Amino acid sequence: MLKDSQAFSGFAVKDLAEAKTFYGQTLGLEVGEDPDRGLDVHLPGGVHVFVYPKPDFVPATYTILNFQVTDIDAEVEALTAAGVEMQRYPGLDADAQGIVRDPRGPMIAWFTDPAGNIISVLQDNRG
């Protein structure tokens, strides 16, 4: 029924201006803006995500975006240099950079956008 439609994902933030700066300048993504509706964030691979303001916003408690990278160490270093702080979660043993290196899954590090939404960078280490 919907297989021939175009789909996109979306998530809320508390402040569109902050989100535009973070996704556009800090993460270096292309961001389009419709002042009446929200932001159109262009993700790698030609995917778009709609970011919209929500008056009673509460950050997601799960990962809203995952960026698969080829060199997680370099990406985490670049993010940290840009002022992004890696998150640490109980029960997940992260190294000094904030990267979880579990041999059973991808190497992964989490950070948040200014609204508190959780984002990850991950590198598949399972060959």
PDB file of N, CA and C in Angstrom:
ATOM      1  N   MET A   1       0.814  -1.183   0.000  1.00  0.00           N
ATOM      2  CA  MET A   1       0.000   0.000   0.000  1.00  0.00           C
ATOM      3  C   MET A   1       0.871   1.264   0.000  1.00  0.00           C
ATOM      4  N   LEU A   2       1.877   1.347   0.866  1.00  0.00           N
ATOM      5  CA  LEU A   2       2.705   2.550   0.949  1.00  0.00           C
ATOM      6  C   LEU A   2       4.068   2.382   0.288  1.00  0.00           C
ATOM      7  N   LYS A   3       4.307   1.252  -0.327  1.00  0.00           N
ATOM      8  CA  LYS A   3       5.638   0.957  -0.856  1.00  0.00           C
ATOM      9  C   LYS A   3       6.107   1.925  -1.927  1.00  0.00           C
ATOM     10  N   ASP A   4       5.219   2.603  -2.608  1.00  0.00           N
ATOM     11  CA  ASP A   4       5.608   3.545  -3.654  1.00  0.00           C
ATOM     12  C   ASP A   4       5.601   4.997  -3.184  1.00  0.00           C
ATOM     13  N   SER A   5       5.380   5.203  -1.903  1.00  0.00           N
ATOM     14  CA  SER A   5       5.380   6.567  -1.372  1.00  0.00           C
ATOM     15  C   SER A   5       6.792   6.966  -0.963  1.00  0.00           C
ATOM     16  N   GLN A   6       6.968   8.228  -0.658  1.00  0.00           N
ATOM     17  CA  GLN A   6       8.228   8.683  -0.103  1.00  0.00           C
ATOM     18  C   GLN A   6       8.038   8.856   1.391  1.00  0.00           C
ATOM     19  N   ALA A   7       9.005   8.404   2.155  1.00  0.00           N
ATOM     20  CA  ALA A   7       8.901   8.482   3.608  1.00  0.00           C
ATOM     21  C   ALA A   7      10.089   9.251   4.170  1.00  0.00           C
ATOM     22  N   PHE A   8       9.879   9.824   5.327  1.00  0.00           N
ATOM     23  CA  PHE A   8      10.956  10.498   6.035  1.00  0.00           C
ATOM     24  C   PHE A   8      10.666  10.394   7.517  1.00  0.00           C
ATOM     25  N   SER A   9      11.698  10.578   8.294  1.00  0.00           N
ATOM     26  CA  SER A   9      11.564  10.531   9.737  1.00  0.00           C
ATOM     27  C   SER A   9      11.557  11.950  10.281  1.00  0.00           C
ATOM     28  N   GLY A  10      11.180  12.096  11.513  1.00  0.00           N
ATOM     29  CA  GLY A  10      11.190  13.398  12.146  1.00  0.00           C
ATOM     30  C   GLY A  10      11.352  13.266  13.643  1.00  0.00           C
ATOM     31  N   PHE A  11      11.803  14.341  14.255  1.00  0.00           N
ATOM     32  CA  PHE A  11      11.885  14.396  15.703  1.00  0.00           C
ATOM     33  C   PHE A  11      11.775  15.843  16.145  1.00  0.00           C
ATOM     34  N   ALA A  12      11.445  16.036  17.412  1.00  0.00           N
ATOM     35  CA  ALA A  12      11.211  17.363  17.954  1.00  0.00           C
ATOM     36  C   ALA A  12      12.441  17.891  18.687  1.00  0.00           C
ATOM     37  N   VAL A  13      12.500  19.207  18.787  1.00  0.00           N
ATOM     38  CA  VAL A  13      13.506  19.909  19.574  1.00  0.00           C
ATOM     39  C   VAL A  13      12.805  21.068  20.288  1.00  0.00           C
ATOM     40  N   LYS A  14      13.476  21.651  21.261  1.00  0.00           N
ATOM     41  CA  LYS A  14      12.869  22.790  21.955  1.00  0.00           C
ATOM     42  C   LYS A  14      13.181  24.104  21.262  1.00  0.00           C
ATOM     43  N   ASP A  15      14.302  24.191  20.518  1.00  0.00           N
ATOM     44  CA  ASP A  15      14.728  25.457  19.926  1.00  0.00           C
ATOM     45  C   ASP A  15      15.278  25.212  18.523  1.00  0.00           C
ATOM     46  N   LEU A  16      14.560  25.692  17.504  1.00  0.00           N
ATOM     47  CA  LEU A  16      14.985  25.472  16.116  1.00  0.00           C
ATOM     48  C   LEU A  16      16.308  26.159  15.787  1.00  0.00           C
ATOM     49  N   ALA A  17      16.539  27.343  16.299  1.00  0.00           N
ATOM     50  CA  ALA A  17      17.789  28.057  16.012  1.00  0.00           C
ATOM     51  C   ALA A  17      18.985  27.276  16.546  1.00  0.00           C
ATOM     52  N   GLU A  18      18.871  26.757  17.766  1.00  0.00           N
ATOM     53  CA  GLU A  18      19.942  25.930  18.342  1.00  0.00           C
ATOM     54  C   GLU A  18      20.161  24.680  17.498  1.00  0.00           C
ATOM     55  N   ALA A  19      19.066  24.051  17.104  1.00  0.00           N
ATOM     56  CA  ALA A  19      19.153  22.828  16.301  1.00  0.00           C
ATOM     57  C   ALA A  19      19.811  23.115  14.956  1.00  0.00           C
ATOM     58  N   LYS A  20      19.440  24.221  14.330  1.00  0.00           N
ATOM     59  CA  LYS A  20      20.027  24.575  13.031  1.00  0.00           C
ATOM     60  C   LYS A  20      21.533  24.773  13.160  1.00  0.00           C
ATOM     61  N   THR A  21      21.974  25.464  14.192  1.00  0.00           N
ATOM     62  CA  THR A  21      23.407  25.669  14.415  1.00  0.00           C
ATOM     63  C   THR A  21      24.108  24.337  14.675  1.00  0.00           C
ATOM     64  N   PHE A  22      23.525  23.504  15.514  1.00  0.00           N
ATOM     65  CA  PHE A  22      24.155  22.228  15.862  1.00  0.00           C
ATOM     66  C   PHE A  22      24.267  21.300  14.662  1.00  0.00           C
ATOM     67  N   TYR A  23      23.146  21.066  13.991  1.00  0.00           N
ATOM     68  CA  TYR A  23      23.168  20.122  12.871  1.00  0.00           C
ATOM     69  C   TYR A  23      23.910  20.690  11.669  1.00  0.00           C
ATOM     70  N   GLY A  24      23.801  21.988  11.444  1.00  0.00           N
ATOM     71  CA  GLY A  24      24.446  22.605  10.295  1.00  0.00           C
ATOM     72  C   GLY A  24      25.908  22.915  10.509  1.00  0.00           C
ATOM     73  N   GLN A  25      26.240  23.601  11.601  1.00  0.00           N
ATOM     74  CA  GLN A  25      27.622  24.026  11.822  1.00  0.00           C
ATOM     75  C   GLN A  25      28.444  22.993  12.588  1.00  0.00           C
ATOM     76  N   THR A  26      27.936  22.521  13.704  1.00  0.00           N
ATOM     77  CA  THR A  26      28.706  21.580  14.514  1.00  0.00           C
ATOM     78  C   THR A  26      28.879  20.242  13.805  1.00  0.00           C
ATOM     79  N   LEU A  27      27.776  19.678  13.279  1.00  0.00           N
ATOM     80  CA  LEU A  27      27.874  18.379  12.606  1.00  0.00           C
ATOM     81  C   LEU A  27      28.192  18.499  11.124  1.00  0.00           C
ATOM     82  N   GLY A  28      28.054  19.687  10.558  1.00  0.00           N
ATOM     83  CA  GLY A  28      28.414  19.912   9.158  1.00  0.00           C
ATOM     84  C   GLY A  28      27.423  19.351   8.154  1.00  0.00           C
ATOM     85  N   LEU A  29      26.174  19.220   8.555  1.00  0.00           N
ATOM     86  CA  LEU A  29      25.141  18.714   7.653  1.00  0.00           C
ATOM     87  C   LEU A  29      24.456  19.879   6.949  1.00  0.00           C
ATOM     88  N   GLU A  30      23.900  19.615   5.781  1.00  0.00           N
ATOM     89  CA  GLU A  30      23.119  20.630   5.084  1.00  0.00           C
ATOM     90  C   GLU A  30      21.753  20.727   5.757  1.00  0.00           C
ATOM     91  N   VAL A  31      21.342  21.949   6.070  1.00  0.00           N
ATOM     92  CA  VAL A  31      20.078  22.161   6.765  1.00  0.00           C
ATOM     93  C   VAL A  31      19.257  23.192   6.011  1.00  0.00           C
ATOM     94  N   GLY A  32      18.062  22.806   5.584  1.00  0.00           N
ATOM     95  CA  GLY A  32      17.110  23.739   4.997  1.00  0.00           C
ATOM     96  C   GLY A  32      16.140  24.176   6.077  1.00  0.00           C
ATOM     97  N   GLU A  33      15.547  25.341   5.885  1.00  0.00           N
ATOM     98  CA  GLU A  33      14.672  25.860   6.932  1.00  0.00           C
ATOM     99  C   GLU A  33      13.371  26.383   6.352  1.00  0.00           C
ATOM    100  N   ASP A  34      12.285  26.024   7.006  1.00  0.00           N
ATOM    101  CA  ASP A  34      10.977  26.589   6.736  1.00  0.00           C
ATOM    102  C   ASP A  34      10.536  27.207   8.065  1.00  0.00           C
ATOM    103  N   PRO A  35      10.647  28.525   8.193  1.00  0.00           N
ATOM    104  CA  PRO A  35      10.381  29.170   9.481  1.00  0.00           C
ATOM    105  C   PRO A  35       9.019  28.835  10.080  1.00  0.00           C
ATOM    106  N   ASP A  36       8.071  28.474   9.257  1.00  0.00           N
ATOM    107  CA  ASP A  36       6.739  28.153   9.774  1.00  0.00           C
ATOM    108  C   ASP A  36       6.586  26.694  10.180  1.00  0.00           C
ATOM    109  N   ARG A  37       7.512  25.854   9.745  1.00  0.00           N
ATOM    110  CA  ARG A  37       7.347  24.413   9.993  1.00  0.00           C
ATOM    111  C   ARG A  37       8.506  23.794  10.752  1.00  0.00           C
ATOM    112  N   GLY A  38       9.747  24.035  10.331  1.00  0.00           N
ATOM    113  CA  GLY A  38      10.877  23.395  10.981  1.00  0.00           C
ATOM    114  C   GLY A  38      12.086  23.335  10.077  1.00  0.00           C
ATOM    115  N   LEU A  39      12.928  22.353  10.318  1.00  0.00           N
ATOM    116  CA  LEU A  39      14.172  22.186   9.575  1.00  0.00           C
ATOM    117  C   LEU A  39      14.139  20.908   8.755  1.00  0.00           C
ATOM    118  N   ASP A  40      14.788  20.945   7.615  1.00  0.00           N
ATOM    119  CA  ASP A  40      14.985  19.774   6.769  1.00  0.00           C
ATOM    120  C   ASP A  40      16.467  19.470   6.814  1.00  0.00           C
ATOM    121  N   VAL A  41      16.842  18.458   7.586  1.00  0.00           N
ATOM    122  CA  VAL A  41      18.249  18.097   7.744  1.00  0.00           C
ATOM    123  C   VAL A  41      18.573  17.004   6.737  1.00  0.00           C
ATOM    124  N   HIS A  42      19.574  17.271   5.902  1.00  0.00           N
ATOM    125  CA  HIS A  42      20.005  16.338   4.873  1.00  0.00           C
ATOM    126  C   HIS A  42      21.061  15.419   5.467  1.00  0.00           C
ATOM    127  N   LEU A  43      20.742  14.151   5.581  1.00  0.00           N
ATOM    128  CA  LEU A  43      21.655  13.170   6.150  1.00  0.00           C
ATOM    129  C   LEU A  43      22.464  12.504   5.045  1.00  0.00           C
ATOM    130  N   PRO A  44      23.611  11.912   5.386  1.00  0.00           N
ATOM    131  CA  PRO A  44      24.386  11.185   4.384  1.00  0.00           C
ATOM    132  C   PRO A  44      23.534  10.103   3.721  1.00  0.00           C
ATOM    133  N   GLY A  45      23.785   9.864   2.454  1.00  0.00           N
ATOM    134  CA  GLY A  45      23.050   8.839   1.723  1.00  0.00           C
ATOM    135  C   GLY A  45      21.765   9.351   1.095  1.00  0.00           C
ATOM    136  N   GLY A  46      21.533  10.656   1.131  1.00  0.00           N
ATOM    137  CA  GLY A  46      20.361  11.224   0.488  1.00  0.00           C
ATOM    138  C   GLY A  46      19.091  11.191   1.313  1.00  0.00           C
ATOM    139  N   VAL A  47      19.192  10.859   2.569  1.00  0.00           N
ATOM    140  CA  VAL A  47      18.032  10.783   3.452  1.00  0.00           C
ATOM    141  C   VAL A  47      17.806  12.158   4.088  1.00  0.00           C
ATOM    142  N   HIS A  48      16.556  12.482   4.336  1.00  0.00           N
ATOM    143  CA  HIS A  48      16.207  13.727   5.006  1.00  0.00           C
ATOM    144  C   HIS A  48      15.463  13.404   6.296  1.00  0.00           C
ATOM    145  N   VAL A  49      15.617  14.266   7.271  1.00  0.00           N
ATOM    146  CA  VAL A  49      14.848  14.146   8.502  1.00  0.00           C
ATOM    147  C   VAL A  49      14.249  15.520   8.812  1.00  0.00           C
ATOM    148  N   PHE A  50      13.007  15.515   9.241  1.00  0.00           N
ATOM    149  CA  PHE A  50      12.294  16.744   9.572  1.00  0.00           C
ATOM    150  C   PHE A  50      12.452  17.020  11.059  1.00  0.00           C
ATOM    151  N   VAL A  51      12.938  18.197  11.404  1.00  0.00           N
ATOM    152  CA  VAL A  51      13.118  18.597  12.801  1.00  0.00           C
ATOM    153  C   VAL A  51      12.141  19.737  13.073  1.00  0.00           C
ATOM    154  N   TYR A  52      11.311  19.566  14.066  1.00  0.00           N
ATOM    155  CA  TYR A  52      10.249  20.526  14.316  1.00  0.00           C
ATOM    156  C   TYR A  52      10.229  20.959  15.782  1.00  0.00           C
ATOM    157  N   PRO A  53       9.747  22.170  16.025  1.00  0.00           N
ATOM    158  CA  PRO A  53       9.648  22.635  17.417  1.00  0.00           C
ATOM    159  C   PRO A  53       8.415  22.044  18.082  1.00  0.00           C
ATOM    160  N   LYS A  54       8.553  21.803  19.371  1.00  0.00           N
ATOM    161  CA  LYS A  54       7.418  21.259  20.129  1.00  0.00           C
ATOM    162  C   LYS A  54       7.364  22.006  21.463  1.00  0.00           C
ATOM    163  N   PRO A  55       6.265  22.691  21.724  1.00  0.00           N
ATOM    164  CA  PRO A  55       6.183  23.527  22.935  1.00  0.00           C
ATOM    165  C   PRO A  55       6.410  22.758  24.239  1.00  0.00           C
ATOM    166  N   ASP A  56       5.895  21.549  24.343  1.00  0.00           N
ATOM    167  CA  ASP A  56       6.049  20.752  25.569  1.00  0.00           C
ATOM    168  C   ASP A  56       7.117  19.677  25.381  1.00  0.00           C
ATOM    169  N   PHE A  57       8.195  20.039  24.690  1.00  0.00           N
ATOM    170  CA  PHE A  57       9.257  19.116  24.312  1.00  0.00           C
ATOM    171  C   PHE A  57       9.866  18.387  25.513  1.00  0.00           C
ATOM    172  N   VAL A  58      10.098  17.098  25.336  1.00  0.00           N
ATOM    173  CA  VAL A  58      10.854  16.259  26.264  1.00  0.00           C
ATOM    174  C   VAL A  58      11.814  15.453  25.394  1.00  0.00           C
ATOM    175  N   PRO A  59      13.122  15.441  25.728  1.00  0.00           N
ATOM    176  CA  PRO A  59      14.075  14.708  24.885  1.00  0.00           C
ATOM    177  C   PRO A  59      13.746  13.218  24.800  1.00  0.00           C
ATOM    178  N   ALA A  60      14.077  12.641  23.653  1.00  0.00           N
ATOM    179  CA  ALA A  60      13.920  11.196  23.477  1.00  0.00           C
ATOM    180  C   ALA A  60      14.855  10.469  24.447  1.00  0.00           C
ATOM    181  N   THR A  61      14.429   9.337  24.943  1.00  0.00           N
ATOM    182  CA  THR A  61      15.257   8.549  25.859  1.00  0.00           C
ATOM    183  C   THR A  61      15.954   7.403  25.129  1.00  0.00           C
ATOM    184  N   TYR A  62      15.949   7.465  23.820  1.00  0.00           N
ATOM    185  CA  TYR A  62      16.562   6.449  22.976  1.00  0.00           C
ATOM    186  C   TYR A  62      17.321   7.171  21.868  1.00  0.00           C
ATOM    187  N   THR A  63      18.120   6.437  21.115  1.00  0.00           N
ATOM    188  CA  THR A  63      18.907   7.020  20.044  1.00  0.00           C
ATOM    189  C   THR A  63      18.005   7.377  18.868  1.00  0.00           C
ATOM    190  N   ILE A  64      18.018   8.654  18.461  1.00  0.00           N
ATOM    191  CA  ILE A  64      17.156   9.098  17.365  1.00  0.00           C
ATOM    192  C   ILE A  64      17.861   9.057  16.020  1.00  0.00           C
ATOM    193  N   LEU A  65      19.188   9.162  16.014  1.00  0.00           N
ATOM    194  CA  LEU A  65      19.979   9.127  14.778  1.00  0.00           C
ATOM    195  C   LEU A  65      21.241   8.322  15.014  1.00  0.00           C
ATOM    196  N   ASN A  66      21.619   7.529  14.024  1.00  0.00           N
ATOM    197  CA  ASN A  66      22.866   6.763  14.053  1.00  0.00           C
ATOM    198  C   ASN A  66      23.664   7.111  12.807  1.00  0.00           C
ATOM    199  N   PHE A  67      24.913   7.494  12.995  1.00  0.00           N
ATOM    200  CA  PHE A  67      25.807   7.778  11.876  1.00  0.00           C
ATOM    201  C   PHE A  67      26.849   6.666  11.814  1.00  0.00           C
ATOM    202  N   GLN A  68      26.773   5.831  10.784  1.00  0.00           N
ATOM    203  CA  GLN A  68      27.762   4.770  10.610  1.00  0.00           C
ATOM    204  C   GLN A  68      28.982   5.379   9.932  1.00  0.00           C
ATOM    205  N   VAL A  69      30.152   5.205  10.547  1.00  0.00           N
ATOM    206  CA  VAL A  69      31.388   5.813  10.071  1.00  0.00           C
ATOM    207  C   VAL A  69      32.446   4.742   9.829  1.00  0.00           C
ATOM    208  N   THR A  70      33.485   5.109   9.094  1.00  0.00           N
ATOM    209  CA  THR A  70      34.563   4.145   8.825  1.00  0.00           C
ATOM    210  C   THR A  70      35.701   4.262   9.830  1.00  0.00           C
ATOM    211  N   ASP A  71      35.811   5.395  10.523  1.00  0.00           N
ATOM    212  CA  ASP A  71      36.873   5.595  11.520  1.00  0.00           C
ATOM    213  C   ASP A  71      36.280   6.306  12.724  1.00  0.00           C
ATOM    214  N   ILE A  72      35.776   5.530  13.667  1.00  0.00           N
ATOM    215  CA  ILE A  72      35.092   6.107  14.825  1.00  0.00           C
ATOM    216  C   ILE A  72      36.026   6.955  15.670  1.00  0.00           C
ATOM    217  N   ASP A  73      37.290   6.559  15.772  1.00  0.00           N
ATOM    218  CA  ASP A  73      38.235   7.340  16.570  1.00  0.00           C
ATOM    219  C   ASP A  73      38.381   8.753  16.013  1.00  0.00           C
ATOM    220  N   ALA A  74      38.535   8.876  14.707  1.00  0.00           N
ATOM    221  CA  ALA A  74      38.674  10.184  14.072  1.00  0.00           C
ATOM    222  C   ALA A  74      37.396  11.002  14.210  1.00  0.00           C
ATOM    223  N   GLU A  75      36.241  10.363  14.052  1.00  0.00           N
ATOM    224  CA  GLU A  75      34.970  11.084  14.153  1.00  0.00           C
ATOM    225  C   GLU A  75      34.732  11.583  15.576  1.00  0.00           C
ATOM    226  N   VAL A  76      34.999  10.745  16.564  1.00  0.00           N
ATOM    227  CA  VAL A  76      34.813  11.161  17.954  1.00  0.00           C
ATOM    228  C   VAL A  76      35.791  12.280  18.294  1.00  0.00           C
ATOM    229  N   GLU A  77      37.005  12.180  17.804  1.00  0.00           N
ATOM    230  CA  GLU A  77      37.990  13.239  18.031  1.00  0.00           C
ATOM    231  C   GLU A  77      37.507  14.566  17.423  1.00  0.00           C
ATOM    232  N   ALA A  78      36.982  14.515  16.197  1.00  0.00           N
ATOM    233  CA  ALA A  78      36.481  15.720  15.538  1.00  0.00           C
ATOM    234  C   ALA A  78      35.267  16.288  16.273  1.00  0.00           C
ATOM    235  N   LEU A  79      34.359  15.420  16.701  1.00  0.00           N
ATOM    236  CA  LEU A  79      33.185  15.880  17.446  1.00  0.00           C
ATOM    237  C   LEU A  79      33.601  16.531  18.761  1.00  0.00           C
ATOM    238  N   THR A  80      34.514  15.908  19.467  1.00  0.00           N
ATOM    239  CA  THR A  80      34.997  16.450  20.739  1.00  0.00           C
ATOM    240  C   THR A  80      35.669  17.806  20.516  1.00  0.00           C
ATOM    241  N   ALA A  81      36.467  17.909  19.451  1.00  0.00           N
ATOM    242  CA  ALA A  81      37.124  19.183  19.131  1.00  0.00           C
ATOM    243  C   ALA A  81      36.097  20.273  18.818  1.00  0.00           C
ATOM    244  N   ALA A  82      34.931  19.869  18.322  1.00  0.00           N
ATOM    245  CA  ALA A  82      33.862  20.823  18.003  1.00  0.00           C
ATOM    246  C   ALA A  82      33.009  21.156  19.231  1.00  0.00           C
ATOM    247  N   GLY A  83      33.382  20.613  20.385  1.00  0.00           N
ATOM    248  CA  GLY A  83      32.659  20.913  21.612  1.00  0.00           C
ATOM    249  C   GLY A  83      31.567  19.937  21.985  1.00  0.00           C
ATOM    250  N   VAL A  84      31.479  18.826  21.263  1.00  0.00           N
ATOM    251  CA  VAL A  84      30.460  17.814  21.548  1.00  0.00           C
ATOM    252  C   VAL A  84      30.995  16.875  22.628  1.00  0.00           C
ATOM    253  N   GLU A  85      30.190  16.621  23.641  1.00  0.00           N
ATOM    254  CA  GLU A  85      30.593  15.754  24.745  1.00  0.00           C
ATOM    255  C   GLU A  85      29.984  14.364  24.566  1.00  0.00           C
ATOM    256  N   MET A  86      30.825  13.341  24.606  1.00  0.00           N
ATOM    257  CA  MET A  86      30.341  11.968  24.512  1.00  0.00           C
ATOM    258  C   MET A  86      29.648  11.595  25.819  1.00  0.00           C
ATOM    259  N   GLN A  87      28.569  10.846  25.704  1.00  0.00           N
ATOM    260  CA  GLN A  87      27.790  10.412  26.857  1.00  0.00           C
ATOM    261  C   GLN A  87      28.283   9.048  27.343  1.00  0.00           C
ATOM    262  N   ARG A  88      28.136   8.812  28.599  1.00  0.00           N
ATOM    263  CA  ARG A  88      28.487   7.517  29.190  1.00  0.00           C
ATOM    264  C   ARG A  88      27.252   6.983  29.905  1.00  0.00           C
ATOM    265  N   TYR A  89      27.018   5.693  29.714  1.00  0.00           N
ATOM    266  CA  TYR A  89      25.826   5.083  30.282  1.00  0.00           C
ATOM    267  C   TYR A  89      26.218   3.931  31.199  1.00  0.00           C
ATOM    268  N   PRO A  90      25.534   3.801  32.347  1.00  0.00           N
ATOM    269  CA  PRO A  90      25.837   2.720  33.284  1.00  0.00           C
ATOM    270  C   PRO A  90      25.744   1.358  32.596  1.00  0.00           C
ATOM    271  N   GLY A  91      26.685   0.506  32.899  1.00  0.00           N
ATOM    272  CA  GLY A  91      26.692  -0.846  32.358  1.00  0.00           C
ATOM    273  C   GLY A  91      27.365  -0.976  31.007  1.00  0.00           C
ATOM    274  N   LEU A  92      27.766   0.141  30.402  1.00  0.00           N
ATOM    275  CA  LEU A  92      28.478   0.115  29.126  1.00  0.00           C
ATOM    276  C   LEU A  92      29.872   0.693  29.355  1.00  0.00           C
ATOM    277  N   ASP A  93      30.877  -0.145  29.183  1.00  0.00           N
ATOM    278  CA  ASP A  93      32.255   0.236  29.475  1.00  0.00           C
ATOM    279  C   ASP A  93      32.849   1.020  28.308  1.00  0.00           C
ATOM    280  N   ALA A  94      32.942   2.330  28.472  1.00  0.00           N
ATOM    281  CA  ALA A  94      33.491   3.197  27.434  1.00  0.00           C
ATOM    282  C   ALA A  94      34.956   3.504  27.738  1.00  0.00           C
ATOM    283  N   ASP A  95      35.740   3.702  26.678  1.00  0.00           N
ATOM    284  CA  ASP A  95      37.145   4.058  26.854  1.00  0.00           C
ATOM    285  C   ASP A  95      37.276   5.557  27.154  1.00  0.00           C
ATOM    286  N   ALA A  96      38.505   6.066  27.171  1.00  0.00           N
ATOM    287  CA  ALA A  96      38.764   7.466  27.511  1.00  0.00           C
ATOM    288  C   ALA A  96      38.078   8.429  26.545  1.00  0.00           C
ATOM    289  N   GLN A  97      37.889   8.017  25.290  1.00  0.00           N
ATOM    290  CA  GLN A  97      37.213   8.863  24.298  1.00  0.00           C
ATOM    291  C   GLN A  97      35.702   8.812  24.423  1.00  0.00           C
ATOM    292  N   GLY A  98      35.188   7.832  25.160  1.00  0.00           N
ATOM    293  CA  GLY A  98      33.741   7.662  25.271  1.00  0.00           C
ATOM    294  C   GLY A  98      33.201   6.625  24.308  1.00  0.00           C
ATOM    295  N   ILE A  99      34.098   5.808  23.727  1.00  0.00           N
ATOM    296  CA  ILE A  99      33.688   4.787  22.753  1.00  0.00           C
ATOM    297  C   ILE A  99      33.537   3.438  23.454  1.00  0.00           C
ATOM    298  N   VAL A 100      32.408   2.779  23.234  1.00  0.00           N
ATOM    299  CA  VAL A 100      32.188   1.421  23.731  1.00  0.00           C
ATOM    300  C   VAL A 100      32.721   0.479  22.656  1.00  0.00           C
ATOM    301  N   ARG A 101      33.650  -0.377  23.045  1.00  0.00           N
ATOM    302  CA  ARG A 101      34.316  -1.276  22.091  1.00  0.00           C
ATOM    303  C   ARG A 101      33.998  -2.733  22.425  1.00  0.00           C
ATOM    304  N   ASP A 102      32.758  -3.095  22.325  1.00  0.00           N
ATOM    305  CA  ASP A 102      32.302  -4.459  22.606  1.00  0.00           C
ATOM    306  C   ASP A 102      32.551  -5.310  21.367  1.00  0.00           C
ATOM    307  N   PRO A 103      33.347  -6.378  21.468  1.00  0.00           N
ATOM    308  CA  PRO A 103      33.640  -7.195  20.284  1.00  0.00           C
ATOM    309  C   PRO A 103      32.422  -7.915  19.704  1.00  0.00           C
ATOM    310  N   ARG A 104      31.313  -7.951  20.436  1.00  0.00           N
ATOM    311  CA  ARG A 104      30.100  -8.614  19.947  1.00  0.00           C
ATOM    312  C   ARG A 104      29.223  -7.697  19.105  1.00  0.00           C
ATOM    313  N   GLY A 105      29.565  -6.427  19.032  1.00  0.00           N
ATOM    314  CA  GLY A 105      28.735  -5.486  18.283  1.00  0.00           C
ATOM    315  C   GLY A 105      29.581  -4.368  17.730  1.00  0.00           C
ATOM    316  N   PRO A 106      28.948  -3.357  17.187  1.00  0.00           N
ATOM    317  CA  PRO A 106      29.725  -2.252  16.628  1.00  0.00           C
ATOM    318  C   PRO A 106      30.382  -1.426  17.730  1.00  0.00           C
ATOM    319  N   MET A 107      31.484  -0.767  17.397  1.00  0.00           N
ATOM    320  CA  MET A 107      32.054   0.239  18.290  1.00  0.00           C
ATOM    321  C   MET A 107      31.099   1.424  18.195  1.00  0.00           C
ATOM    322  N   ILE A 108      30.762   2.011  19.340  1.00  0.00           N
ATOM    323  CA  ILE A 108      29.740   3.052  19.333  1.00  0.00           C
ATOM    324  C   ILE A 108      30.015   4.097  20.399  1.00  0.00           C
ATOM    325  N   ALA A 109      29.676   5.336  20.081  1.00  0.00           N
ATOM    326  CA  ALA A 109      29.743   6.432  21.045  1.00  0.00           C
ATOM    327  C   ALA A 109      28.469   7.263  20.876  1.00  0.00           C
ATOM    328  N   TRP A 110      27.965   7.765  21.990  1.00  0.00           N
ATOM    329  CA  TRP A 110      26.735   8.540  21.977  1.00  0.00           C
ATOM    330  C   TRP A 110      27.010   9.971  22.401  1.00  0.00           C
ATOM    331  N   PHE A 111      26.210  10.880  21.856  1.00  0.00           N
ATOM    332  CA  PHE A 111      26.229  12.274  22.270  1.00  0.00           C
ATOM    333  C   PHE A 111      24.814  12.804  22.118  1.00  0.00           C
ATOM    334  N   THR A 112      24.572  14.020  22.580  1.00  0.00           N
ATOM    335  CA  THR A 112      23.234  14.582  22.475  1.00  0.00           C
ATOM    336  C   THR A 112      23.261  15.895  21.689  1.00  0.00           C
ATOM    337  N   ASP A 113      22.127  16.213  21.092  1.00  0.00           N
ATOM    338  CA  ASP A 113      21.976  17.526  20.470  1.00  0.00           C
ATOM    339  C   ASP A 113      21.642  18.522  21.591  1.00  0.00           C
ATOM    340  N   PRO A 114      21.574  19.820  21.300  1.00  0.00           N
ATOM    341  CA  PRO A 114      21.293  20.802  22.358  1.00  0.00           C
ATOM    342  C   PRO A 114      19.965  20.575  23.081  1.00  0.00           C
ATOM    343  N   ALA A 115      19.035  19.883  22.439  1.00  0.00           N
ATOM    344  CA  ALA A 115      17.743  19.599  23.064  1.00  0.00           C
ATOM    345  C   ALA A 115      17.789  18.367  23.962  1.00  0.00           C
ATOM    346  N   GLY A 116      18.894  17.613  23.910  1.00  0.00           N
ATOM    347  CA  GLY A 116      19.016  16.403  24.720  1.00  0.00           C
ATOM    348  C   GLY A 116      18.678  15.129  23.990  1.00  0.00           C
ATOM    349  N   ASN A 117      18.351  15.195  22.698  1.00  0.00           N
ATOM    350  CA  ASN A 117      18.091  13.986  21.913  1.00  0.00           C
ATOM    351  C   ASN A 117      19.402  13.222  21.720  1.00  0.00           C
ATOM    352  N   ILE A 118      19.341  11.906  21.787  1.00  0.00           N
ATOM    353  CA  ILE A 118      20.533  11.057  21.732  1.00  0.00           C
ATOM    354  C   ILE A 118      20.860  10.675  20.293  1.00  0.00           C
ATOM    355  N   ILE A 119      22.149  10.819  19.958  1.00  0.00           N
ATOM    356  CA  ILE A 119      22.684  10.519  18.627  1.00  0.00           C
ATOM    357  C   ILE A 119      23.890   9.615  18.812  1.00  0.00           C
ATOM    358  N   SER A 120      24.169   8.751  17.849  1.00  0.00           N
ATOM    359  CA  SER A 120      25.371   7.915  17.953  1.00  0.00           C
ATOM    360  C   SER A 120      26.215   7.991  16.688  1.00  0.00           C
ATOM    361  N   VAL A 121      27.492   7.703  16.868  1.00  0.00           N
ATOM    362  CA  VAL A 121      28.389   7.373  15.774  1.00  0.00           C
ATOM    363  C   VAL A 121      28.808   5.939  16.045  1.00  0.00           C
ATOM    364  N   LEU A 122      28.832   5.128  15.006  1.00  0.00           N
ATOM    365  CA  LEU A 122      29.200   3.739  15.196  1.00  0.00           C
ATOM    366  C   LEU A 122      30.018   3.228  14.025  1.00  0.00           C
ATOM    367  N   GLN A 123      30.858   2.264  14.336  1.00  0.00           N
ATOM    368  CA  GLN A 123      31.695   1.613  13.319  1.00  0.00           C
ATOM    369  C   GLN A 123      31.544   0.122  13.496  1.00  0.00           C
ATOM    370  N   ASP A 124      31.152  -0.560  12.436  1.00  0.00           N
ATOM    371  CA  ASP A 124      30.999  -2.011  12.484  1.00  0.00           C
ATOM    372  C   ASP A 124      32.379  -2.643  12.537  1.00  0.00           C
ATOM    373  N   ASN A 125      32.662  -3.353  13.605  1.00  0.00           N
ATOM    374  CA  ASN A 125      33.964  -3.988  13.772  1.00  0.00           C
ATOM    375  C   ASN A 125      33.886  -5.501  13.639  1.00  0.00           C
ATOM    376  N   ARG A 126      32.820  -5.985  13.054  1.00  0.00           N
ATOM    377  CA  ARG A 126      32.618  -7.437  12.970  1.00  0.00           C
ATOM    378  C   ARG A 126      33.036  -7.997  11.618  1.00  0.00           C
ATOM    379  N   GLY A 127      33.774  -7.179  10.845  1.00  0.00           N
ATOM    380  CA  GLY A 127      34.331  -7.624   9.565  1.00  0.00           C
ATOM    381  C   GLY A 127      33.341  -8.133   8.653  1.00  0.00           C
TER     382      GLY A 127
END
